[in-house]
Protein backbone atom coordinates (compact mmCIF):
# COMPACT_ATOMS: atom_id res chain seq x y z
CA UNK A 1 -81.79 45.26 -20.37
CA UNK A 2 -80.74 43.11 -23.04
CA UNK A 3 -77.78 41.61 -21.96
CA UNK A 4 -76.68 40.02 -17.94
CA UNK A 5 -73.22 42.01 -17.86
CA UNK A 6 -75.07 45.28 -17.62
CA UNK A 7 -76.81 43.90 -13.71
CA UNK A 8 -73.11 44.49 -12.84
CA UNK A 9 -73.15 41.13 -11.08
CA UNK A 10 -69.80 40.06 -8.81
CA UNK A 11 -67.26 38.26 -10.73
CA UNK A 12 -68.36 34.56 -9.40
CA UNK A 13 -71.93 35.02 -10.74
CA UNK A 14 -71.13 37.24 -14.25
CA UNK A 15 -68.72 33.83 -14.74
CA UNK A 16 -71.32 30.67 -13.98
CA UNK A 17 -73.69 32.60 -16.28
CA UNK A 18 -70.76 32.72 -18.94
CA UNK A 19 -70.00 29.13 -18.04
CA UNK A 20 -73.17 28.08 -18.82
CA UNK A 21 -73.62 29.94 -21.36
CA UNK A 22 -75.97 32.32 -20.85
CA UNK A 23 -75.81 35.86 -22.21
CA UNK A 24 -79.48 37.29 -22.80
CA UNK A 25 -82.22 37.51 -20.47
CA UNK A 26 -85.48 36.05 -21.15
CA UNK A 27 -88.58 38.35 -21.08
CA UNK A 28 -89.38 37.70 -17.47
CA UNK A 29 -85.82 37.74 -16.33
CA UNK A 30 -85.61 41.57 -18.30
CA UNK A 31 -88.48 42.79 -16.63
CA UNK A 32 -88.18 42.00 -13.22
CA UNK A 33 -84.26 41.75 -12.61
CA UNK A 34 -84.03 45.30 -12.64
CA UNK A 35 -86.86 45.00 -9.93
CA UNK A 36 -86.09 42.84 -7.63
CA UNK A 37 -81.75 44.45 -7.83
CA UNK A 38 -83.67 47.83 -6.28
CA UNK A 39 -84.95 45.65 -3.53
CA UNK A 40 -88.47 46.26 -4.83
CA UNK A 41 -91.59 43.54 -4.18
CA UNK A 42 -92.39 41.71 -7.87
CA UNK A 43 -95.46 39.73 -8.94
CA UNK A 44 -94.25 38.06 -11.87
CA UNK A 45 -96.60 36.10 -14.11
CA UNK A 46 -94.79 34.15 -16.96
CA UNK A 47 -95.60 31.33 -19.02
CA UNK A 48 -93.52 27.65 -17.97
CA UNK A 49 -90.02 27.53 -19.32
CA UNK A 50 -89.37 31.19 -19.00
CA UNK A 51 -86.37 31.43 -16.65
CA UNK A 52 -88.44 32.64 -13.11
CA UNK A 53 -85.99 30.82 -11.34
CA UNK A 54 -83.02 32.33 -11.99
CA UNK A 55 -85.13 35.44 -12.15
CA UNK A 56 -84.75 35.65 -8.41
CA UNK A 57 -81.18 33.33 -7.83
CA UNK A 58 -79.40 35.75 -8.90
CA UNK A 59 -80.42 38.99 -6.84
CA UNK A 60 -80.63 36.66 -3.33
CA UNK A 61 -77.08 35.52 -3.96
CA UNK A 62 -75.63 38.99 -5.36
CA UNK A 63 -77.48 40.60 -1.78
CA UNK A 64 -76.09 37.87 0.55
CA UNK A 65 -72.77 37.56 -0.62
CA UNK A 66 -72.20 41.31 -0.78
CA UNK A 67 -73.19 41.50 2.50
CA UNK A 68 -70.90 38.54 3.36
CA UNK A 69 -67.82 40.84 1.20
CA UNK A 70 -68.98 43.81 3.66
CA UNK A 71 -68.27 41.79 6.55
CA UNK A 72 -71.48 41.12 8.02
CA UNK A 73 -71.92 36.98 7.18
CA UNK A 74 -74.29 35.13 8.66
CA UNK A 75 -72.74 33.29 11.84
CA UNK A 76 -75.71 31.83 13.95
CA UNK A 77 -77.25 28.87 13.51
CA UNK A 78 -81.07 28.43 11.92
CA UNK A 79 -81.00 31.80 11.00
CA UNK A 80 -80.97 31.85 6.94
CA UNK A 81 -81.29 35.53 5.23
CA UNK A 82 -83.62 34.37 2.17
CA UNK A 83 -86.78 32.36 2.30
CA UNK A 84 -87.99 30.12 -1.14
CA UNK A 85 -91.37 28.34 -0.91
CA UNK A 86 -92.13 25.68 -2.96
CA UNK A 87 -95.28 23.32 -3.19
CA UNK A 88 -94.08 19.92 -3.65
CA UNK A 89 -90.49 18.50 -3.05
CA UNK A 90 -89.53 17.78 -6.75
CA UNK A 91 -89.60 21.20 -7.16
CA UNK A 92 -88.26 21.92 -4.50
CA UNK A 93 -85.24 19.60 -5.36
CA UNK A 94 -84.93 21.30 -8.75
CA UNK A 95 -84.56 24.80 -7.27
CA UNK A 96 -81.51 23.74 -5.22
CA UNK A 97 -80.76 21.98 -8.64
CA UNK A 98 -80.35 25.69 -9.97
CA UNK A 99 -78.73 27.61 -7.08
CA UNK A 100 -76.13 25.03 -6.90
CA UNK A 101 -73.69 25.81 -9.91
CA UNK A 102 -73.54 29.45 -8.46
CA UNK A 103 -73.23 28.38 -4.51
CA UNK A 104 -70.28 26.41 -5.64
CA UNK A 105 -68.30 29.94 -6.53
CA UNK A 106 -70.13 32.10 -3.86
CA UNK A 107 -70.06 29.39 -1.30
CA UNK A 108 -73.07 30.17 -0.09
CA UNK A 109 -75.28 28.03 1.94
CA UNK A 110 -78.55 26.41 0.35
CA UNK A 111 -80.52 24.31 2.57
CA UNK A 112 -84.11 22.34 1.75
CA UNK A 113 -86.20 21.40 4.41
CA UNK A 114 -89.24 19.88 1.96
CA UNK A 115 -92.67 17.32 3.10
CA UNK A 116 -92.20 14.10 1.83
CA UNK A 117 -88.76 13.32 3.24
CA UNK A 118 -88.71 12.63 6.89
CA UNK A 119 -89.01 15.09 9.74
CA UNK A 120 -85.27 13.94 10.82
CA UNK A 121 -83.63 14.96 7.80
CA UNK A 122 -85.32 18.73 7.65
CA UNK A 123 -84.16 18.94 11.68
CA UNK A 124 -80.78 18.61 10.12
CA UNK A 125 -80.85 20.61 7.22
CA UNK A 126 -81.96 23.66 9.25
CA UNK A 127 -79.22 22.94 12.50
CA UNK A 128 -75.91 25.43 11.50
CA UNK A 129 -75.42 28.69 10.07
CA UNK A 130 -76.61 28.45 6.23
CA UNK A 131 -77.93 31.74 4.00
CA UNK A 132 -80.80 30.50 2.17
CA UNK A 133 -83.98 28.51 2.98
CA UNK A 134 -85.72 26.42 0.13
CA UNK A 135 -89.12 24.79 2.07
CA UNK A 136 -92.52 23.67 1.14
CA UNK A 137 -94.99 25.72 3.67
CA UNK A 138 -96.17 22.84 5.51
CA UNK A 139 -92.46 21.21 6.77
CA UNK A 140 -91.54 24.68 7.65
CA UNK A 141 -94.74 25.91 9.85
CA UNK A 142 -94.00 22.44 11.65
CA UNK A 143 -90.34 23.47 11.89
CA UNK A 144 -91.45 26.89 13.03
CA UNK A 145 -93.76 25.67 15.87
CA UNK A 146 -91.13 23.61 17.22
CA UNK A 147 -88.57 26.33 17.62
CA UNK A 148 -85.95 24.60 15.34
CA UNK A 149 -85.49 27.38 12.76
CA UNK A 150 -85.90 31.36 13.07
CA UNK A 151 -86.71 33.42 10.70
CA UNK A 152 -86.63 36.67 12.21
CA UNK A 153 -82.89 37.71 9.28
CA UNK A 154 -85.20 36.54 6.63
CA UNK A 155 -84.95 39.95 4.50
CA UNK A 156 -86.55 38.10 0.81
CA UNK A 157 -89.15 36.02 0.92
CA UNK A 158 -90.15 34.38 -2.63
CA UNK A 159 -93.16 32.17 -3.87
CA UNK A 160 -92.53 29.98 -6.71
CA UNK A 161 -94.92 28.72 -8.63
CA UNK A 162 -97.77 30.01 -6.18
CA UNK A 163 -100.56 28.72 -8.19
CA UNK A 164 -99.66 25.18 -6.99
CA UNK A 165 -100.17 26.45 -3.28
CA UNK A 166 -103.88 25.46 -3.70
CA UNK A 167 -104.53 23.93 -0.79
CA UNK A 168 -106.71 25.42 1.85
CA UNK A 169 -104.61 25.63 5.06
CA UNK A 170 -102.05 27.37 2.68
CA UNK A 171 -102.90 31.23 2.89
CA UNK A 172 -102.83 30.94 6.49
CA UNK A 173 -99.73 29.65 6.33
CA UNK A 174 -98.00 31.81 4.25
CA UNK A 175 -99.39 34.30 6.72
CA UNK A 176 -97.57 32.89 9.61
CA UNK A 177 -94.53 32.43 7.70
CA UNK A 178 -94.04 36.09 6.82
CA UNK A 179 -94.93 37.47 10.22
CA UNK A 180 -92.09 35.22 11.38
CA UNK A 181 -89.60 37.02 9.13
CA UNK A 182 -88.41 40.47 9.75
CA UNK A 183 -90.30 43.17 9.54
CA UNK A 184 -91.61 44.70 5.77
CA UNK A 185 -89.29 42.33 3.94
CA UNK A 186 -88.91 42.35 -0.02
CA UNK A 187 -91.60 39.72 -1.14
CA UNK A 188 -91.40 38.12 -4.99
CA UNK A 189 -93.86 36.17 -6.50
CA UNK A 190 -93.71 33.87 -9.79
CA UNK A 191 -96.93 31.94 -11.09
CA UNK A 192 -97.38 30.88 -14.38
CA UNK A 193 -101.53 31.18 -14.07
CA UNK A 194 -103.00 33.73 -11.54
CA UNK A 195 -106.14 31.39 -10.15
CA UNK A 196 -108.62 33.30 -7.68
CA UNK A 197 -106.47 31.90 -4.74
CA UNK A 198 -102.59 33.58 -5.86
CA UNK A 199 -105.23 36.77 -6.39
CA UNK A 200 -106.06 36.23 -2.61
CA UNK A 201 -102.49 35.59 -1.77
CA UNK A 202 -101.06 38.87 -3.42
CA UNK A 203 -104.22 40.82 -1.56
CA UNK A 204 -103.00 39.95 1.65
CA UNK A 205 -99.09 40.02 1.25
CA UNK A 206 -98.28 42.10 -1.52
CA UNK A 207 -99.47 45.56 -1.10
CA UNK A 208 -97.60 48.08 -3.31
CA UNK A 209 -95.62 45.41 -5.47
CA UNK A 210 -94.75 45.66 -9.52
CA UNK A 211 -96.96 43.45 -11.35
CA UNK A 212 -95.38 41.86 -14.45
CA UNK A 213 -97.05 39.68 -16.69
CA UNK A 214 -94.97 38.59 -19.84
CA UNK A 215 -96.35 38.64 -23.29
CA UNK A 216 -96.44 34.67 -23.34
CA UNK A 217 -98.54 34.57 -19.89
CA UNK A 218 -101.77 32.60 -20.59
CA UNK A 219 -100.45 31.59 -23.78
CA UNK A 220 -98.66 28.81 -25.50
CA UNK A 221 -95.26 29.46 -26.97
CA UNK A 222 -94.14 30.05 -30.39
CA UNK A 223 -91.72 27.56 -30.57
CA UNK A 224 -94.68 24.91 -29.59
CA UNK A 225 -96.83 23.21 -32.29
CA UNK A 226 -100.21 21.45 -31.46
CA UNK A 227 -102.07 18.62 -33.59
CA UNK A 228 -105.66 18.16 -32.58
CA UNK A 229 -106.62 14.66 -33.33
CA UNK A 230 -110.21 13.79 -33.54
CA UNK A 231 -111.30 10.29 -31.27
CA UNK A 232 -113.62 8.19 -32.90
CA UNK A 233 -115.93 6.28 -31.29
CA UNK A 234 -113.95 5.89 -27.94
CA UNK A 235 -110.97 4.13 -29.48
CA UNK A 236 -107.92 6.75 -28.34
CA UNK A 237 -104.96 3.52 -27.72
CA UNK A 238 -104.93 3.54 -31.95
CA UNK A 239 -104.34 6.97 -32.16
CA UNK A 240 -101.70 6.66 -29.52
CA UNK A 241 -100.01 4.36 -31.46
CA UNK A 242 -99.70 5.73 -34.29
CA UNK A 243 -98.46 9.57 -32.84
CA UNK A 244 -95.68 6.98 -30.52
CA UNK A 245 -94.78 5.15 -33.97
CA UNK A 246 -93.53 9.05 -34.82
CA UNK A 247 -89.97 9.97 -34.14
CA UNK A 248 -89.30 12.52 -31.98
CA UNK A 249 -85.91 13.61 -30.35
CA UNK A 250 -86.03 13.64 -27.01
CA UNK A 251 -88.35 12.07 -24.43
CA UNK A 252 -92.47 11.53 -24.62
CA UNK A 253 -94.92 12.60 -22.07
CA UNK A 254 -98.25 11.50 -21.83
CA UNK A 255 -101.22 13.00 -19.80
CA UNK A 256 -104.79 11.17 -18.41
CA UNK A 257 -107.01 12.61 -15.45
CA UNK A 258 -106.86 10.46 -13.17
CA UNK A 259 -104.17 7.70 -11.53
CA UNK A 260 -106.89 4.41 -12.32
CA UNK A 261 -106.65 5.99 -16.27
CA UNK A 262 -102.50 6.07 -15.64
CA UNK A 263 -102.20 2.98 -14.69
CA UNK A 264 -104.82 1.15 -17.35
CA UNK A 265 -102.53 2.93 -20.28
CA UNK A 266 -99.19 2.15 -18.48
CA UNK A 267 -100.59 -1.66 -18.67
CA UNK A 268 -101.79 -1.35 -22.62
CA UNK A 269 -98.30 0.19 -24.24
CA UNK A 270 -96.52 -2.48 -22.07
CA UNK A 271 -98.54 -4.69 -23.38
CA UNK A 272 -97.44 -3.49 -26.87
CA UNK A 273 -93.98 -3.68 -26.25
CA UNK A 274 -93.81 -0.20 -25.20
CA UNK A 275 -91.45 0.96 -22.12
CA UNK A 276 -93.07 3.35 -19.58
CA UNK A 277 -92.42 4.78 -16.50
CA UNK A 278 -95.72 6.22 -14.44
CA UNK A 279 -95.31 9.64 -12.14
CA UNK A 280 -98.50 10.38 -10.29
CA UNK A 281 -99.96 10.68 -6.80
CA UNK A 282 -100.74 7.91 -4.24
CA UNK A 283 -97.77 5.72 -5.31
CA UNK A 284 -94.47 5.46 -3.24
CA UNK A 285 -92.43 8.43 -3.23
CA UNK A 286 -89.33 6.48 -3.64
CA UNK A 287 -90.45 4.63 -6.95
CA UNK A 288 -91.92 7.99 -8.29
CA UNK A 289 -88.39 10.01 -8.04
CA UNK A 290 -86.35 6.99 -9.66
CA UNK A 291 -88.97 6.89 -12.51
CA UNK A 292 -88.42 10.44 -12.74
CA UNK A 293 -84.96 10.27 -12.71
CA UNK A 294 -84.93 7.09 -15.16
CA UNK A 295 -87.03 9.73 -17.67
CA UNK A 296 -84.55 12.43 -17.17
CA UNK A 297 -81.80 11.13 -18.12
CA UNK A 298 -83.12 9.15 -21.06
CA UNK A 299 -83.05 5.77 -20.02
CA UNK A 300 -86.90 5.07 -20.21
CA UNK A 301 -88.47 8.08 -23.15
CA UNK A 302 -92.39 7.65 -22.13
CA UNK A 303 -93.41 9.20 -19.25
CA UNK A 304 -97.39 8.48 -18.16
CA UNK A 305 -98.20 11.32 -15.94
CA UNK A 306 -101.51 12.81 -14.26
CA UNK A 307 -101.47 17.00 -13.85
CA UNK A 308 -98.99 15.85 -11.00
CA UNK A 309 -96.21 16.35 -13.89
CA UNK A 310 -97.98 19.22 -15.36
CA UNK A 311 -96.57 22.23 -12.58
CA UNK A 312 -93.00 23.54 -12.55
CA UNK A 313 -91.19 20.18 -12.92
CA UNK A 314 -88.62 21.07 -16.43
CA UNK A 315 -87.23 18.13 -18.02
CA UNK A 316 -84.98 19.58 -20.67
CA UNK A 317 -85.35 16.86 -23.34
CA UNK A 318 -89.23 16.44 -23.82
CA UNK A 319 -89.80 17.10 -27.20
CA UNK A 320 -93.42 15.58 -26.91
CA UNK A 321 -96.62 16.12 -25.29
CA UNK A 322 -99.54 13.77 -25.57
CA UNK A 323 -102.83 14.65 -23.87
CA UNK A 324 -104.30 11.36 -23.96
CA UNK A 325 -107.07 12.77 -21.79
CA UNK A 326 -107.66 16.31 -21.86
CA UNK A 327 -108.07 18.62 -18.78
CA UNK A 328 -111.78 20.49 -18.08
CA UNK A 329 -109.61 23.28 -16.89
CA UNK A 330 -107.27 25.56 -19.27
CA UNK A 331 -104.78 26.23 -16.92
CA UNK A 332 -104.49 22.73 -16.72
CA UNK A 333 -103.76 22.47 -20.41
CA UNK A 334 -101.54 25.77 -20.02
CA UNK A 335 -99.06 23.59 -17.54
CA UNK A 336 -98.77 20.55 -19.24
CA UNK A 337 -97.99 21.78 -23.02
CA UNK A 338 -95.87 24.06 -21.11
CA UNK A 339 -93.54 20.82 -19.78
CA UNK A 340 -92.13 20.84 -23.87
CA UNK A 341 -90.74 24.00 -25.85
CA UNK A 342 -89.15 25.23 -23.00
CA UNK A 343 -86.56 27.76 -23.18
CA UNK A 344 -86.60 28.47 -26.69
CA UNK A 345 -86.73 25.13 -27.38
CA UNK A 346 -88.92 23.53 -29.93
CA UNK A 347 -91.89 20.83 -28.83
CA UNK A 348 -94.89 19.25 -30.40
CA UNK A 349 -98.22 18.53 -28.44
CA UNK A 350 -101.06 16.15 -29.52
CA UNK A 351 -104.58 16.25 -28.35
CA UNK A 352 -106.95 13.45 -28.64
CA UNK A 353 -110.00 15.20 -28.95
CA UNK A 354 -113.61 14.14 -28.29
CA UNK A 355 -117.12 15.60 -28.49
CA UNK A 356 -116.67 16.15 -24.53
CA UNK A 357 -113.62 18.51 -24.71
CA UNK A 358 -115.31 21.01 -27.20
CA UNK A 359 -115.96 23.57 -24.54
CA UNK A 360 -111.90 23.31 -24.03
CA UNK A 361 -111.06 23.35 -27.47
CA UNK A 362 -113.08 26.47 -27.98
CA UNK A 363 -111.03 28.41 -25.47
CA UNK A 364 -108.00 27.17 -26.90
CA UNK A 365 -108.52 29.26 -29.92
CA UNK A 366 -107.48 32.53 -27.81
CA UNK A 367 -104.82 31.24 -26.23
CA UNK A 368 -102.84 29.50 -28.81
CA UNK A 369 -99.47 31.49 -29.90
CA UNK A 370 -99.55 29.73 -33.77
C-alpha cells in the first residue's frame, strides 16, 4: 500500500485526509491498515511518532459509518460499538483530538471516560447514544461495575500505548473489559516497546493476532541527531546552560528522574532568567494541564518533566530533548527521545552522561539509527 487512496475510504474520510495533506502512509500504517480493514486482530510494535493512532482511527470510522449508511445506526443509549483503551487522561484527550476532524464530516460520536476527571463527568459522557468510547481502564471498570455502560455491542477493542498500562491490576481489568464486549471482537494493540506485562496481555487476549514490528521499533528514528556530553565533577547545570544558549526551532523538553530533581532544576533555571513549566506526578492536575498547554502553544518554550511526559504525549513543536538525568532503562530512553523527531521531522537529543550511565550508553550502541 503506497497511498491512502488504495484503501477505498468513504469520501468523508478521504476528504479529511486530503485536507490534512496526508497522502502517504507510514510504515506501521502500510502494514496494519489492510489487516485491520480485513477485520483481523493486530499487535503493532512501532516507534513513537509513527502514526499509530491514525492506524486504528480510519478502520473504526469506516466500519461504523458503513454500518450506519446501510441502515444500522447506533440508537440505544450507552452502547458503543468500538472501544479505545488508553493509559492516561492526557493521552485519551490526545486520541480524541485525532478523531475530531474525521467525526466532523462523518457525524460519528466519540465520548471519553478518563481517570483524573470527576466521576460525574464520566457518567454524563456515557449517557445517550454514541459509537466510540475512549477510556482509561480503571474508570471504565467503575462504570461497568455500576452498570452505567453496556459493552455488549463493542466489536473492536484497541489498546493504545499498551506498554504504559503497567500497574498490577491492569491485566485483570483488561480481561474484565474484554469479557464484557461482544463475543470474539476484533482486537488491536499498539505499543512502542514490548515489556513483560504487554507480552502477558498479548498471550491472554490476542491469540491468533497478526504481529507487526516496524523496522524502527526499538530504535531511534533516522531524523534524530544525538549529542552526548560528559558531566565532569557532577557539574550538570553549566552544560545545560550552554545547550539552552544554542538556538533551536521548537520547544525544549528536559527530563529528570525524580519529582524533586524536576522542581530543583526548574528553580535553578528560573533564577537564571529562563521561563519554564513543569509536568510531573503529584501536582495539581489542573496546573499540570495548564503547563502542558502553555508549552504546546509555544508561550513557554521549556518544559521540565519526569518520565510522565515521555510516553504517548504528542507535542508537535519539540525540537530538542535534553536528558539532564539519564534513565536506567533503555525503554524509558526510547520513549523520551521519541518526543522529538516525530512524523519525519528533525530533532536533537542531548545526553548529559556520568560514569554511572555507562551501562545504558553501551546498550544504546545497538539501537541508534545514526
